[in-house]
Amino acid sequence: MLRDSKINQLQLNLQNLRRLKDEAEEETMLLDSKINQLQLNLQNLRQLNSKLKDDAEREKRPKNIEIASDIDSCNSIIDRLKSCDTEYRALGFDCEWIASGQRRSLVALIQLATASGICGLFRINKIGHVPDTLKDVLKDKTIMKVGVNSALDARYLRMDYNVEMSSVLDLRNIAPEWCFDMGLERMAKKFLNIELDKKSGISYSNWENSELTNEQIDYAAKDAIVGIKLYNYFNKHCDQMTQTAEDCYACMPENLNTNTETTQGLRRRRRRKKKKTAAVV
């Protein structure tokens, strides 16, 4: 009898343990379900926070700056640039890429701007190639593409994407002769009283990021906008000016790869022009 009683008690204890185990498993499953739901809610909140942050950053961005990361947005921006009336058929032009020492990546960004301040930033690394509408503008001989050391940018576009640009003008060709050693930053301050920050290191930042920072956007847009503003300024204030796109095209030799060499080439070109003028007189 005593043995049977112990057996019954053990069986009862075993049943209780099994019941507790089942209840624990149910609670574990319930907890797992709650944990999964919380993780999903957290993921949704992060996505919402990221979207709100992107929207806030976009609101801070000037309305005159548009970014193209696909063909449709590229075509839309090109249409807007073409619709802007300018005193001269010209666009500010610049390019950005990732640079590390003497090495560089493919051109990642092309900037084009009108004198009214409309600027398109074309993310070529995102698109994967130079779209036809953008290529047509770059190759159009009737539209001047102006900047400082712009022929080097044109050369890189030819090397990286087989785009043969036309009517590319280095602004030092039409600036006063003493500007030959100036970069865009000094010229902007001297003639337009515009401050450009070229010492912050943004030019060496990652131009292939999934999203450009507001600092990168502002930096890239200003380079192109200041370029076209300087072009219009020199048109109005400088006596010596090349008149045609063909004459202004800054052709760069294959081995030309530094600002110093570009400056020397501009000096030689200006000396030849002076000699021809003196000979005519």
Protein backbone atom coordinates (compact mmCIF):
# COMPACT_ATOMS: atom_id res chain seq x y z
CA MET A 1 0.00 0.00 0.00
CA LEU A 2 2.77 2.39 0.91
CA ARG A 3 4.56 1.58 -2.33
CA ASP A 4 1.38 2.17 -4.38
CA SER A 5 0.86 5.47 -2.65
CA LYS A 6 4.39 6.59 -3.52
CA ILE A 7 3.92 5.52 -7.12
CA ASN A 8 0.68 7.49 -7.37
CA GLN A 9 2.35 10.52 -5.86
CA LEU A 10 5.24 10.29 -8.31
CA GLN A 11 2.81 9.98 -11.23
CA LEU A 12 0.93 13.02 -9.97
CA ASN A 13 4.17 14.97 -9.65
CA LEU A 14 5.14 13.94 -13.16
CA GLN A 15 1.78 15.14 -14.51
CA ASN A 16 2.23 18.44 -12.72
CA LEU A 17 5.72 18.84 -14.16
CA ARG A 18 4.44 18.09 -17.65
CA ARG A 19 1.66 20.62 -17.18
CA LEU A 20 4.14 23.21 -15.97
CA LYS A 21 6.37 22.44 -18.94
CA ASP A 22 3.45 22.89 -21.37
CA GLU A 23 2.50 26.15 -19.70
CA ALA A 24 6.12 27.32 -19.88
CA GLU A 25 6.31 26.43 -23.56
CA GLU A 26 3.09 28.35 -24.20
CA GLU A 27 4.45 31.33 -22.31
CA THR A 28 7.73 31.06 -24.24
CA MET A 29 5.84 31.03 -27.53
CA LEU A 30 3.79 34.00 -26.37
CA LEU A 31 6.93 35.83 -25.34
CA ASP A 32 8.60 35.00 -28.67
CA SER A 33 5.55 36.34 -30.49
CA LYS A 34 5.64 39.55 -28.43
CA ILE A 35 9.38 39.90 -29.02
CA ASN A 36 8.90 39.48 -32.78
CA GLN A 37 6.11 42.07 -32.75
CA LEU A 38 8.26 44.50 -30.79
CA GLN A 39 11.14 43.99 -33.22
CA LEU A 40 8.78 44.66 -36.14
CA ASN A 41 7.45 47.79 -34.45
CA LEU A 42 11.02 48.95 -33.80
CA GLN A 43 11.94 48.39 -37.44
CA ASN A 44 8.88 50.36 -38.58
CA LEU A 45 9.73 53.18 -36.20
CA ARG A 46 13.29 53.30 -37.49
CA GLN A 47 12.05 53.44 -41.09
CA LEU A 48 9.58 56.19 -40.19
CA ASN A 49 12.28 58.12 -38.35
CA SER A 50 14.62 57.76 -41.32
CA LYS A 51 11.90 58.99 -43.70
CA LEU A 52 11.08 61.96 -41.46
CA LYS A 53 14.78 62.77 -41.23
CA ASP A 54 15.16 62.56 -45.02
CA ASP A 55 12.09 64.77 -45.48
CA ALA A 56 13.49 67.29 -43.02
CA GLU A 57 16.85 67.30 -44.81
CA ARG A 58 15.06 67.71 -48.13
CA GLU A 59 13.12 70.68 -46.78
CA LYS A 60 16.38 72.33 -45.77
CA ARG A 61 17.72 71.90 -49.29
CA PRO A 62 17.33 74.96 -51.54
CA LYS A 63 14.49 74.51 -54.03
CA ASN A 64 16.80 75.53 -56.87
CA ILE A 65 18.94 72.39 -56.43
CA GLU A 66 17.69 69.14 -57.93
CA ILE A 67 19.33 65.72 -57.75
CA ALA A 68 19.05 63.06 -60.45
CA SER A 69 19.65 59.44 -59.49
CA ASP A 70 17.79 57.86 -62.41
CA ILE A 71 17.06 58.58 -66.07
CA ASP A 72 13.59 60.06 -65.50
CA SER A 73 14.79 62.62 -62.95
CA CYS A 74 17.76 63.38 -65.20
CA ASN A 75 15.49 64.15 -68.15
CA SER A 76 13.26 66.33 -65.97
CA ILE A 77 16.18 68.40 -64.68
CA ILE A 78 17.66 68.83 -68.17
CA ASP A 79 14.28 70.17 -69.36
CA ARG A 80 14.28 72.64 -66.49
CA LEU A 81 17.82 73.81 -67.21
CA LYS A 82 17.01 74.29 -70.89
CA SER A 83 13.89 76.31 -70.06
CA CYS A 84 15.84 78.87 -68.03
CA ASP A 85 16.59 82.03 -69.96
CA THR A 86 20.21 83.09 -69.65
CA GLU A 87 21.95 86.14 -71.01
CA TYR A 88 24.57 83.89 -72.55
CA ARG A 89 24.11 80.30 -73.71
CA ALA A 90 26.27 78.86 -70.99
CA LEU A 91 26.10 76.59 -67.96
CA GLY A 92 28.32 76.33 -64.92
CA PHE A 93 30.02 72.95 -65.07
CA ASP A 94 31.92 70.80 -62.60
CA CYS A 95 32.47 67.15 -61.66
CA GLU A 96 33.17 65.26 -58.45
CA TRP A 97 34.77 61.89 -57.78
CA ILE A 98 36.39 60.03 -54.91
CA ALA A 99 40.08 60.88 -54.74
CA SER A 100 42.72 59.19 -52.61
CA GLY A 101 46.24 60.46 -53.08
CA GLN A 102 47.14 60.15 -56.76
CA ARG A 103 44.32 57.70 -57.43
CA ARG A 104 40.72 58.51 -58.26
CA SER A 105 37.50 56.64 -58.90
CA LEU A 106 35.18 57.17 -61.86
CA VAL A 107 33.37 60.49 -62.08
CA ALA A 108 30.45 60.13 -59.66
CA LEU A 109 28.71 63.50 -59.99
CA ILE A 110 28.18 66.04 -62.78
CA GLN A 111 26.98 69.53 -61.87
CA LEU A 112 25.32 71.95 -64.30
CA ALA A 113 23.94 75.35 -63.27
CA THR A 114 22.26 78.37 -64.83
CA ALA A 115 23.01 82.00 -64.00
CA SER A 116 19.64 82.21 -62.22
CA GLY A 117 20.90 79.65 -59.72
CA ILE A 118 19.09 76.55 -60.95
CA CYS A 119 21.46 73.62 -60.45
CA GLY A 120 21.22 69.97 -61.42
CA LEU A 121 23.34 67.36 -59.66
CA PHE A 122 23.55 64.20 -61.77
CA ARG A 123 24.63 61.11 -59.82
CA ILE A 124 26.30 59.15 -62.58
CA ASN A 125 27.47 56.43 -60.20
CA LYS A 126 23.81 55.75 -59.35
CA ILE A 127 22.55 55.90 -62.93
CA GLY A 128 25.43 53.79 -64.22
CA HIS A 129 26.06 55.83 -67.38
CA VAL A 130 25.61 59.33 -68.80
CA PRO A 131 21.99 59.52 -70.05
CA ASP A 132 21.44 60.69 -73.62
CA THR A 133 19.71 63.95 -72.63
CA LEU A 134 22.63 64.93 -70.42
CA LYS A 135 25.13 63.77 -73.02
CA ASP A 136 23.43 65.96 -75.65
CA VAL A 137 23.93 69.05 -73.48
CA LEU A 138 27.57 68.19 -72.78
CA LYS A 139 28.24 67.70 -76.50
CA ASP A 140 26.22 70.75 -77.67
CA LYS A 141 28.64 73.23 -79.27
CA THR A 142 26.18 76.10 -78.84
CA ILE A 143 26.11 75.78 -75.05
CA MET A 144 29.28 76.78 -73.23
CA LYS A 145 30.22 74.68 -70.21
CA VAL A 146 32.29 76.89 -67.92
CA GLY A 147 34.37 76.38 -64.79
CA VAL A 148 37.93 76.38 -63.46
CA ASN A 149 40.08 73.50 -64.70
CA SER A 150 36.96 72.31 -66.52
CA ALA A 151 38.93 70.74 -69.35
CA LEU A 152 40.28 68.21 -66.86
CA ASP A 153 36.71 67.30 -65.89
CA ALA A 154 35.88 66.92 -69.57
CA ARG A 155 38.88 64.68 -70.06
CA TYR A 156 37.83 62.41 -67.20
CA LEU A 157 34.32 62.13 -68.64
CA ARG A 158 35.85 61.07 -71.93
CA MET A 159 38.07 58.51 -70.19
CA ASP A 160 35.36 57.15 -67.86
CA TYR A 161 32.20 57.27 -70.00
CA ASN A 162 33.38 57.95 -73.55
CA VAL A 163 31.63 61.33 -73.61
CA GLU A 164 33.25 63.80 -76.01
CA MET A 165 32.33 67.24 -74.70
CA SER A 166 32.24 70.40 -76.79
CA SER A 167 32.57 74.09 -75.87
CA VAL A 168 34.33 73.65 -72.55
CA LEU A 169 35.80 76.89 -71.21
CA ASP A 170 38.30 77.37 -68.41
CA LEU A 171 37.33 80.73 -66.88
CA ARG A 172 40.99 81.70 -66.59
CA ASN A 173 40.95 82.10 -70.38
CA ILE A 174 38.74 85.18 -70.09
CA ALA A 175 39.75 86.44 -66.63
CA PRO A 176 42.37 89.18 -66.20
CA GLU A 177 45.87 87.84 -66.78
CA TRP A 178 46.83 88.08 -63.11
CA CYS A 179 44.12 85.50 -62.31
CA PHE A 180 46.01 82.64 -63.92
CA ASP A 181 47.15 81.26 -60.56
CA MET A 182 43.73 81.64 -58.93
CA GLY A 183 41.36 78.81 -58.21
CA LEU A 184 37.59 79.07 -58.09
CA GLU A 185 37.59 79.98 -54.39
CA ARG A 186 39.82 83.05 -54.78
CA MET A 187 38.09 84.20 -57.97
CA ALA A 188 34.67 83.93 -56.32
CA LYS A 189 35.84 86.05 -53.39
CA LYS A 190 37.66 88.60 -55.56
CA PHE A 191 35.01 89.26 -58.19
CA LEU A 192 31.70 88.14 -56.64
CA ASN A 193 32.42 88.51 -52.92
CA ILE A 194 31.20 84.93 -52.46
CA GLU A 195 32.84 82.70 -49.88
CA LEU A 196 33.57 79.12 -50.94
CA ASP A 197 34.81 76.66 -48.35
CA LYS A 198 37.53 74.61 -50.06
CA LYS A 199 39.36 73.69 -46.86
CA SER A 200 36.72 71.56 -45.12
CA GLY A 201 37.69 68.35 -46.91
CA ILE A 202 34.26 67.89 -48.51
CA SER A 203 35.85 67.62 -51.95
CA TYR A 204 37.57 64.44 -50.73
CA SER A 205 34.42 62.93 -49.21
CA ASN A 206 32.57 59.88 -50.51
CA TRP A 207 30.61 61.08 -53.55
CA GLU A 208 29.28 57.55 -54.04
CA ASN A 209 27.33 57.47 -50.76
CA SER A 210 23.79 56.11 -50.97
CA GLU A 211 22.63 59.64 -50.10
CA LEU A 212 24.61 62.86 -50.41
CA THR A 213 24.83 64.97 -47.27
CA ASN A 214 23.54 68.54 -47.26
CA GLU A 215 27.16 69.69 -47.01
CA GLN A 216 28.08 67.75 -50.16
CA ILE A 217 25.02 69.05 -52.01
CA ASP A 218 25.75 72.65 -51.05
CA TYR A 219 29.44 72.31 -51.96
CA ALA A 220 28.79 70.74 -55.36
CA ALA A 221 26.01 73.15 -56.33
CA LYS A 222 27.98 76.25 -55.36
CA ASP A 223 30.93 75.26 -57.56
CA ALA A 224 28.73 75.14 -60.66
CA ILE A 225 26.63 78.20 -59.75
CA VAL A 226 29.70 80.34 -59.03
CA GLY A 227 31.24 79.19 -62.31
CA ILE A 228 28.39 80.55 -64.43
CA LYS A 229 28.19 83.74 -62.36
CA LEU A 230 31.90 84.37 -62.96
CA TYR A 231 31.42 83.74 -66.67
CA ASN A 232 28.67 86.36 -66.85
CA TYR A 233 30.75 88.77 -64.78
CA PHE A 234 33.75 88.46 -67.10
CA ASN A 235 31.52 88.86 -70.13
CA LYS A 236 30.33 92.19 -68.80
CA HIS A 237 33.55 93.55 -67.30
CA CYS A 238 36.55 92.17 -69.19
CA ASP A 239 37.78 93.81 -72.38
CA GLN A 240 39.62 90.83 -73.80
CA MET A 241 37.28 87.94 -74.38
CA THR A 242 37.15 85.06 -76.83
CA GLN A 243 33.87 85.24 -78.68
CA THR A 244 33.12 81.80 -80.06
CA ALA A 245 32.67 78.41 -78.48
CA GLU A 246 35.26 76.97 -80.84
CA ASP A 247 37.89 79.50 -79.77
CA CYS A 248 37.09 79.03 -76.10
CA TYR A 249 37.30 75.24 -76.12
CA ALA A 250 40.14 74.40 -73.76
CA CYS A 251 41.74 71.39 -75.43
CA MET A 252 43.79 69.33 -73.01
CA PRO A 253 46.76 67.17 -74.08
CA GLU A 254 46.73 63.52 -73.02
CA ASN A 255 49.55 63.96 -70.49
CA LEU A 256 48.10 67.08 -68.86
CA ASN A 257 46.94 66.24 -65.35
CA THR A 258 47.74 69.03 -62.90
CA ASN A 259 46.50 72.56 -62.22
CA THR A 260 50.03 73.88 -62.68
CA GLU A 261 50.31 72.51 -66.20
CA THR A 262 46.89 73.90 -67.04
CA THR A 263 47.92 77.34 -65.80
CA GLN A 264 51.11 77.23 -67.86
CA GLY A 265 49.10 76.34 -70.93
CA LEU A 266 46.79 79.29 -70.36
CA ARG A 267 49.77 81.61 -69.99
CA ARG A 268 51.24 80.42 -73.29
CA ARG A 269 47.87 80.87 -75.00
CA ARG A 270 47.52 84.45 -73.69
CA ARG A 271 51.09 85.32 -74.78
CA ARG A 272 50.39 84.08 -78.32
CA LYS A 273 47.22 86.17 -78.39
CA LYS A 274 49.18 89.27 -77.32
CA LYS A 275 51.82 88.68 -80.00
CA LYS A 276 49.16 88.38 -82.70
CA THR A 277 47.49 91.60 -81.49
CA ALA A 278 50.82 93.44 -81.48
CA ALA A 279 51.61 92.18 -84.97
CA VAL A 280 48.30 93.49 -86.31
CA VAL A 281 48.88 96.90 -84.73
